[in-house]
C-alpha cells in the first residue's frame, strides 16, 4: 500500500513539473498548468500525497533543478513569483481536504461539488499569498499588483479548477481502488 502512495506522489510531482513547462509567458507571472496538477493531486490523493508531491517540486526547484517555469534555484522562491510558488503548499493542503472526503462520499456530484469548493479555496489562497508577495517584492501599488498578479489569471484559473474537479470525479474510482 505504501509503495502505491509513493508512486502517486512521484507521479503528481512529475505532473506539476510538466505543468510548469506548459506555460504562456506573461510578465511578471506566467500562466502555467502547475496549479491544475497541484489541485488534482489534492483532490485525488488527499492531503498527504498533495503536500508531499508539491514539497518535492518546490525542493527540487530550490536546490537548482530547472523545474520552475523560469528555471530553478532559490532566486525563484524569493523573486516576484516566489509567493505564488510557496502558496502551492497551503493550496495542496486545502485541495487535499476534498481528496480525504471521498471514502465517505458515494455520489459523484457531491464529490465534484466538494472538489470545486476546496479547489476554489485553494486557488484563493494562492492569490492571497502570491499577490502581496509580488507587491512587496516589486514595490508595486495594490492596484498594479492585482492587475499584474491576479486579474489576467482569473478566467484560466477557473477553467483549471473546473478541469481538475472534473478529472478528479472521473479518476476518483480508479485511485480509490488503487489505494484500497
Protein backbone atom coordinates (compact mmCIF):
# COMPACT_ATOMS: atom_id res chain seq x y z
CA UNK A 1 0.00 0.00 0.00
CA UNK A 2 2.80 2.44 0.90
CA UNK A 3 4.54 1.96 -2.46
CA UNK A 4 1.28 2.92 -4.21
CA UNK A 5 1.20 6.21 -2.30
CA UNK A 6 4.85 6.76 -3.20
CA UNK A 7 4.06 6.08 -6.85
CA UNK A 8 1.19 8.59 -6.81
CA UNK A 9 3.34 11.18 -5.04
CA UNK A 10 6.05 10.77 -7.69
CA UNK A 11 3.51 10.93 -10.49
CA UNK A 12 1.98 14.15 -9.20
CA UNK A 13 5.42 15.70 -8.65
CA UNK A 14 6.26 14.93 -12.27
CA UNK A 15 2.93 16.33 -13.47
CA UNK A 16 3.49 19.56 -11.53
CA UNK A 17 6.92 19.90 -13.15
CA UNK A 18 5.46 19.26 -16.60
CA UNK A 19 2.69 21.76 -15.81
CA UNK A 20 5.29 24.43 -15.06
CA UNK A 21 6.71 23.97 -18.55
CA UNK A 22 3.29 24.18 -20.20
CA UNK A 23 3.21 27.94 -19.99
CA UNK A 24 2.23 31.13 -21.65
CA UNK A 25 4.81 33.80 -20.78
CA UNK A 26 3.05 36.79 -19.28
CA UNK A 27 5.30 39.11 -17.25
CA UNK A 28 5.86 39.11 -14.34
CA UNK A 29 3.91 35.87 -13.63
CA UNK A 30 3.49 33.33 -16.47
CA UNK A 31 0.32 31.31 -16.98
CA UNK A 32 1.11 27.65 -16.30
CA UNK A 33 -0.68 24.37 -15.64
CA UNK A 34 1.17 23.56 -12.42
CA UNK A 35 -1.77 24.76 -10.30
CA UNK A 36 -4.05 22.35 -12.16
CA UNK A 37 -1.85 19.44 -11.09
CA UNK A 38 -1.47 20.67 -7.51
CA UNK A 39 -5.28 20.82 -7.23
CA UNK A 40 -5.62 17.42 -8.86
CA UNK A 41 -3.02 15.90 -6.52
CA UNK A 42 -5.09 17.07 -3.59
CA UNK A 43 -8.45 16.08 -4.99
CA UNK A 44 -7.29 12.58 -5.91
CA UNK A 45 -4.56 11.82 -3.40
CA UNK A 46 -5.64 13.69 -0.30
CA UNK A 47 -3.57 15.99 1.86
CA UNK A 48 -0.56 13.73 2.41
CA UNK A 49 0.07 12.98 -1.26
CA UNK A 50 -0.68 16.56 -2.34
CA UNK A 51 1.64 18.17 0.20
CA UNK A 52 4.39 15.61 -0.43
CA UNK A 53 4.31 15.97 -4.22
CA UNK A 54 4.20 19.77 -4.02
CA UNK A 55 7.02 19.87 -1.45
CA UNK A 56 9.16 17.64 -3.68
CA UNK A 57 8.52 20.00 -6.59
CA UNK A 58 9.49 23.06 -4.53
CA UNK A 59 12.54 21.33 -3.05
CA UNK A 60 13.80 20.25 -6.46
CA UNK A 61 13.45 23.82 -7.69
CA UNK A 62 15.07 25.30 -4.58
CA UNK A 63 18.19 23.16 -4.99
CA UNK A 64 18.59 24.43 -8.54
CA UNK A 65 16.91 21.92 -10.82
CA UNK A 66 15.07 23.81 -13.59
CA UNK A 67 11.56 22.71 -12.61
CA UNK A 68 10.00 26.17 -12.23
CA UNK A 69 8.64 27.95 -15.28
CA UNK A 70 11.60 30.35 -15.07
CA UNK A 71 14.28 27.77 -14.21
CA UNK A 72 15.50 26.71 -10.80
CA UNK A 73 17.19 27.99 -7.69
CA UNK A 74 16.31 29.88 -4.54
CA UNK A 75 16.11 33.10 -6.54
CA UNK A 76 12.79 31.92 -7.95
CA UNK A 77 11.38 31.45 -4.46
CA UNK A 78 12.37 34.95 -3.36
CA UNK A 79 11.67 36.62 -6.71
CA UNK A 80 8.38 38.10 -7.92
CA UNK A 81 6.74 34.69 -8.48
CA UNK A 82 8.01 33.24 -5.21
CA UNK A 83 4.80 33.92 -3.32
CA UNK A 84 2.78 32.05 -5.91
CA UNK A 85 5.19 29.11 -5.76
CA UNK A 86 5.24 28.96 -1.95
CA UNK A 87 1.45 29.29 -1.90
CA UNK A 88 1.22 25.95 -3.68
CA UNK A 89 1.87 24.17 -0.35
CA UNK A 90 -1.18 25.55 1.52
CA UNK A 91 -3.18 25.17 -1.69
CA UNK A 92 -2.21 21.48 -1.79
CA UNK A 93 -3.32 21.11 1.82
CA UNK A 94 -6.69 22.73 1.18
CA UNK A 95 -7.45 20.86 -2.05
CA UNK A 96 -6.32 17.68 -0.32
CA UNK A 97 -9.18 18.02 2.14
CA UNK A 98 -11.54 17.22 -0.75
CA UNK A 99 -9.41 14.17 -1.52
CA UNK A 100 -9.78 12.96 2.05
CA UNK A 101 -13.60 13.01 1.88
CA UNK A 102 -14.36 10.58 -0.97
CA UNK A 103 -14.13 7.42 1.02
CA UNK A 104 -17.32 8.59 2.74
CA UNK A 105 -18.91 10.30 -0.28
CA UNK A 106 -20.77 7.95 -2.58
CA UNK A 107 -22.38 10.28 -5.11
CA UNK A 108 -20.15 11.67 -7.89
CA UNK A 109 -21.99 15.03 -7.93
CA UNK A 110 -21.33 15.53 -4.21
CA UNK A 111 -17.65 14.71 -4.73
CA UNK A 112 -17.48 17.10 -7.70
CA UNK A 113 -19.00 19.88 -5.57
CA UNK A 114 -16.52 19.18 -2.75
CA UNK A 115 -13.67 19.40 -5.24
CA UNK A 116 -14.96 22.71 -6.58
CA UNK A 117 -15.39 24.23 -3.11
CA UNK A 118 -11.99 23.18 -1.77
CA UNK A 119 -10.31 23.87 -5.12
CA UNK A 120 -11.72 27.39 -5.11
CA UNK A 121 -10.46 27.93 -1.56
CA UNK A 122 -7.02 26.64 -2.62
CA UNK A 123 -6.95 28.96 -5.63
CA UNK A 124 -7.89 31.94 -3.45
CA UNK A 125 -5.05 31.09 -1.05
CA UNK A 126 -2.61 31.21 -3.97
CA UNK A 127 -3.79 34.74 -4.74
CA UNK A 128 -3.85 35.78 -1.07
CA UNK A 129 -0.19 34.82 -0.69
CA UNK A 130 1.12 35.47 -4.21
CA UNK A 131 -0.25 38.95 -4.87
CA UNK A 132 1.06 40.57 -1.65
CA UNK A 133 4.42 38.84 -2.19
CA UNK A 134 4.54 40.31 -5.72
CA UNK A 135 3.51 43.73 -4.41
CA UNK A 136 6.28 43.89 -1.82
CA UNK A 137 8.89 42.19 -3.99
CA UNK A 138 8.44 44.66 -6.83
CA UNK A 139 7.38 47.67 -4.68
CA UNK A 140 4.09 47.92 -6.56
CA UNK A 141 0.84 49.55 -5.56
CA UNK A 142 -2.01 47.22 -4.65
CA UNK A 143 -3.88 48.00 -7.87
CA UNK A 144 -0.84 47.28 -10.05
CA UNK A 145 -0.06 44.07 -8.14
CA UNK A 146 -3.65 42.88 -8.56
CA UNK A 147 -3.62 43.82 -12.25
CA UNK A 148 -0.32 42.00 -12.83
CA UNK A 149 -0.67 39.03 -10.48
CA UNK A 150 -4.37 38.20 -10.40
CA UNK A 151 -6.70 39.69 -13.00
CA UNK A 152 -5.08 38.13 -16.10
CA UNK A 153 -5.28 34.69 -14.46
CA UNK A 154 -8.83 34.56 -13.13
CA UNK A 155 -10.51 33.01 -16.17
CA UNK A 156 -7.72 30.49 -16.71
CA UNK A 157 -7.66 29.53 -13.04
CA UNK A 158 -11.40 28.94 -13.01
CA UNK A 159 -11.05 26.77 -16.11
CA UNK A 160 -8.21 24.84 -14.41
CA UNK A 161 -10.31 24.50 -11.25
CA UNK A 162 -13.26 23.10 -13.18
CA UNK A 163 -10.97 20.79 -15.19
CA UNK A 164 -9.29 19.49 -12.02
CA UNK A 165 -12.66 18.82 -10.35
CA UNK A 166 -13.94 17.04 -13.47
CA UNK A 167 -10.78 14.94 -13.82
CA UNK A 168 -10.91 14.10 -10.11
CA UNK A 169 -14.52 12.98 -10.46
CA UNK A 170 -13.61 10.77 -13.42
CA UNK A 171 -10.45 9.23 -11.93
CA UNK A 172 -11.60 9.03 -8.31
CA UNK A 173 -12.96 5.45 -8.52
CA UNK A 174 -9.69 4.19 -10.01
CA UNK A 175 -7.49 5.98 -7.48
CA UNK A 176 -9.66 4.79 -4.60
CA UNK A 177 -9.37 1.24 -5.93
CA UNK A 178 -5.60 1.62 -6.34
CA UNK A 179 -5.13 2.88 -2.79
CA UNK A 180 -7.53 0.30 -1.41
